Protein backbone atom coordinates (compact mmCIF):
# COMPACT_ATOMS: atom_id res chain seq x y z
CA MET A 1 -2.04 -6.43 -23.96
CA GLY A 2 -3.50 -2.96 -24.22
CA SER A 3 -1.81 0.30 -25.01
CA ARG A 4 -2.77 1.73 -21.63
CA THR A 5 0.25 3.12 -19.78
CA LEU A 6 0.30 2.31 -16.11
CA ARG A 7 1.23 5.35 -14.02
CA LEU A 8 1.99 4.57 -10.42
CA SER A 9 2.02 7.27 -7.75
CA GLN A 10 3.93 5.29 -5.12
CA PRO A 11 6.63 2.60 -5.03
CA ILE A 12 5.64 -1.02 -5.46
CA THR A 13 5.30 -3.02 -2.27
CA ILE A 14 5.02 -6.75 -1.77
CA ARG A 15 2.57 -8.13 0.74
CA ARG A 16 1.07 -11.48 1.60
CA ALA A 17 -1.91 -12.17 -0.66
CA VAL A 18 -5.29 -12.56 1.03
CA ALA A 19 -8.48 -14.32 0.00
CA ARG A 20 -10.00 -11.15 -1.46
CA ASP A 21 -7.09 -11.02 -3.97
CA ALA A 22 -8.17 -14.32 -5.57
CA LYS A 23 -10.23 -12.84 -8.42
CA ARG A 24 -7.52 -10.34 -9.38
CA LEU A 25 -4.81 -13.02 -9.33
CA THR A 26 -7.00 -15.23 -11.50
CA ARG A 27 -7.54 -12.35 -13.96
CA ILE A 28 -3.77 -11.78 -14.17
CA VAL A 29 -3.19 -15.46 -15.01
CA ARG A 30 -6.02 -15.74 -17.53
CA GLY A 31 -5.20 -12.38 -19.13
CA SER A 32 -1.51 -13.06 -19.63
CA SER A 33 -0.48 -12.42 -23.23
CA ALA A 34 2.23 -15.06 -22.75
CA TYR A 35 -0.60 -17.58 -22.85
CA GLU A 36 -2.15 -16.58 -26.16
CA GLY A 37 -2.49 -18.82 -29.19
CA GLN A 38 -1.37 -22.40 -28.66
CA TYR A 39 -0.89 -21.78 -24.93
CA ALA A 40 -4.36 -20.32 -24.22
CA ALA A 41 -5.93 -23.61 -23.16
CA ALA A 42 -3.42 -23.98 -20.32
CA VAL A 43 -4.92 -21.03 -18.41
CA ALA A 44 -8.46 -20.78 -19.84
CA GLY A 45 -10.10 -22.34 -16.80
CA TYR A 46 -7.32 -21.67 -14.32
CA ARG A 47 -8.39 -20.31 -10.95
CA VAL A 48 -6.33 -18.96 -8.06
CA GLY A 49 -8.81 -19.51 -5.26
CA PRO A 50 -8.90 -18.31 -1.67
CA ASP A 51 -8.12 -21.88 -0.58
CA TYR A 52 -4.92 -21.88 -2.68
CA ILE A 53 -3.90 -18.51 -1.21
CA GLU A 54 -4.42 -19.80 2.32
CA ALA A 55 -2.56 -23.08 1.69
CA HIS A 56 0.59 -21.58 0.12
CA ARG A 57 2.94 -18.64 0.46
CA VAL A 58 1.36 -16.32 -2.07
CA PHE A 59 2.65 -12.75 -2.27
CA ALA A 60 1.31 -9.85 -4.31
CA ALA A 61 3.15 -6.87 -5.77
CA VAL A 62 0.96 -3.82 -5.18
CA GLY A 63 1.20 -0.33 -6.61
CA SER A 64 -1.04 2.72 -6.39
CA ASP A 65 -2.47 4.69 -9.26
CA GLU A 66 -5.30 7.20 -9.62
CA GLN A 67 -7.82 4.42 -8.88
CA GLY A 68 -6.15 3.23 -5.66
CA ASP A 69 -4.09 0.16 -4.83
CA ARG A 70 -3.69 -2.39 -7.62
CA VAL A 71 -2.28 -5.89 -7.60
CA LEU A 72 0.30 -5.85 -10.41
CA GLY A 73 1.75 -9.33 -10.07
CA PHE A 74 2.21 -12.23 -7.69
CA TYR A 75 4.06 -15.41 -6.95
CA SER A 76 3.43 -18.61 -5.04
CA LEU A 77 6.15 -20.48 -3.19
CA VAL A 78 5.48 -24.09 -2.27
CA LEU A 79 7.83 -25.33 0.45
CA ALA A 80 7.58 -29.11 0.11
CA PRO A 81 8.97 -29.88 -2.33
CA PRO A 82 10.42 -26.39 -2.87
CA GLU A 83 8.92 -24.91 -6.02
CA LEU A 84 8.01 -21.54 -7.45
CA ASP A 85 4.53 -22.66 -8.49
CA LEU A 86 3.25 -19.43 -10.04
CA LEU A 87 4.79 -16.11 -11.01
CA PHE A 88 2.82 -13.62 -13.08
CA VAL A 89 3.03 -9.90 -13.76
CA ALA A 90 0.01 -8.15 -15.28
CA ASP A 91 0.64 -7.30 -18.93
CA GLU A 92 0.22 -3.55 -18.36
CA ALA A 93 2.84 -3.63 -15.59
CA GLN A 94 5.55 -5.59 -17.41
CA GLY A 95 8.93 -4.03 -18.11
CA ARG A 96 9.03 -2.18 -14.77
CA GLY A 97 11.16 -4.68 -12.80
CA ILE A 98 8.21 -6.19 -10.94
CA GLY A 99 9.13 -9.75 -11.96
CA ARG A 100 12.67 -9.31 -10.63
CA LEU A 101 11.29 -7.76 -7.44
CA LEU A 102 9.03 -10.79 -6.96
CA VAL A 103 11.94 -13.19 -7.59
CA ALA A 104 14.13 -11.39 -5.05
CA HIS A 105 11.30 -11.52 -2.50
CA MET A 106 10.75 -15.23 -3.22
CA GLN A 107 14.44 -15.94 -2.65
CA ALA A 108 14.32 -14.11 0.69
CA GLU A 109 11.23 -16.11 1.70
CA ALA A 110 12.93 -19.35 0.64
CA ARG A 111 16.07 -18.42 2.59
CA GLY A 112 13.95 -17.64 5.66
CA ALA A 113 12.31 -21.05 5.34
CA GLY A 114 15.73 -22.74 5.29
CA LEU A 115 15.65 -23.67 1.59
CA ASP A 116 18.81 -23.67 -0.51
CA ARG A 117 17.13 -24.12 -3.90
CA VAL A 118 13.74 -23.63 -5.52
CA LYS A 119 12.57 -25.46 -8.64
CA VAL A 120 10.64 -23.75 -11.45
CA VAL A 121 8.82 -25.52 -14.26
CA SER A 122 8.61 -22.68 -16.75
CA HIS A 123 6.32 -21.78 -19.57
CA ARG A 124 8.33 -21.57 -22.82
CA PRO A 125 7.79 -17.82 -23.35
CA ALA A 126 9.06 -17.16 -19.79
CA GLU A 127 12.29 -19.10 -20.25
CA GLY A 128 14.34 -15.99 -21.05
CA PHE A 129 12.99 -14.17 -18.01
CA TYR A 130 14.01 -16.94 -15.61
CA HIS A 131 17.46 -17.15 -17.16
CA ARG A 132 17.94 -13.36 -16.82
CA ALA A 133 16.64 -13.50 -13.24
CA GLY A 134 19.42 -15.91 -12.29
CA ALA A 135 17.77 -19.32 -12.52
CA VAL A 136 19.84 -22.20 -13.88
CA ARG A 137 18.35 -24.58 -16.45
CA THR A 138 18.26 -28.10 -14.97
CA GLY A 139 16.23 -30.08 -17.50
CA THR A 140 12.90 -30.49 -19.22
CA ALA A 141 9.53 -31.38 -17.76
CA PRO A 142 7.71 -33.65 -20.20
CA ALA A 143 4.31 -32.76 -21.63
CA ASN A 144 1.28 -33.65 -19.52
CA PRO A 145 -1.67 -33.82 -21.97
CA PRO A 146 -4.33 -32.69 -22.17
CA ALA A 147 -3.61 -29.84 -19.74
CA VAL A 148 -0.06 -29.13 -20.98
CA PRO A 149 0.64 -30.72 -24.36
CA TRP A 150 4.22 -29.43 -24.68
CA ASP A 151 7.53 -30.02 -22.90
CA ARG A 152 8.55 -27.24 -20.51
CA PRO A 153 11.97 -25.98 -19.43
CA GLU A 154 12.89 -26.71 -15.84
CA PHE A 155 14.97 -24.27 -13.82
CA GLU A 156 16.32 -23.91 -10.34
CA PHE A 157 17.01 -20.84 -8.25
CA ARG A 158 19.90 -21.44 -5.91
CA VAL A 159 19.25 -19.57 -2.70
CA SER A 160 22.26 -18.06 -0.98
CA SER A 161 22.54 -18.15 2.79
CA GLU A 162 23.32 -14.43 3.15
């Protein structure tokens, strides 16, 4: 995580991700400081490809700065079975409410799709975020070596019908 301060000139919007976003989404995943040290191997070769974006409900949080529009974070909602597969906010954009904005958008998408709950298998460093965002801890997903050699907390977002 750098010391660069992100200065946005316009509000953050959320839009459907498109194939040309794939490289930026991949950079956000691979560059996440939450995956440093012992967790680095889990994302080292990870790729969010155009095929993944087309197959799932992937949404990007976009803001504008002096260089134009920038993808600041994203999420992926899988409908069957209902799961928040990915949720990342670029390190330089963290602490600005983008993660909560993405969660609220995901819940609206899930509601629109007729879902009443969405599962999340979390990364340990993100456990506090999901708890603060309103997810309820439901269990533990066991390690899956070699890709994920540690147990992970499992959460669930309950989606209201409002």
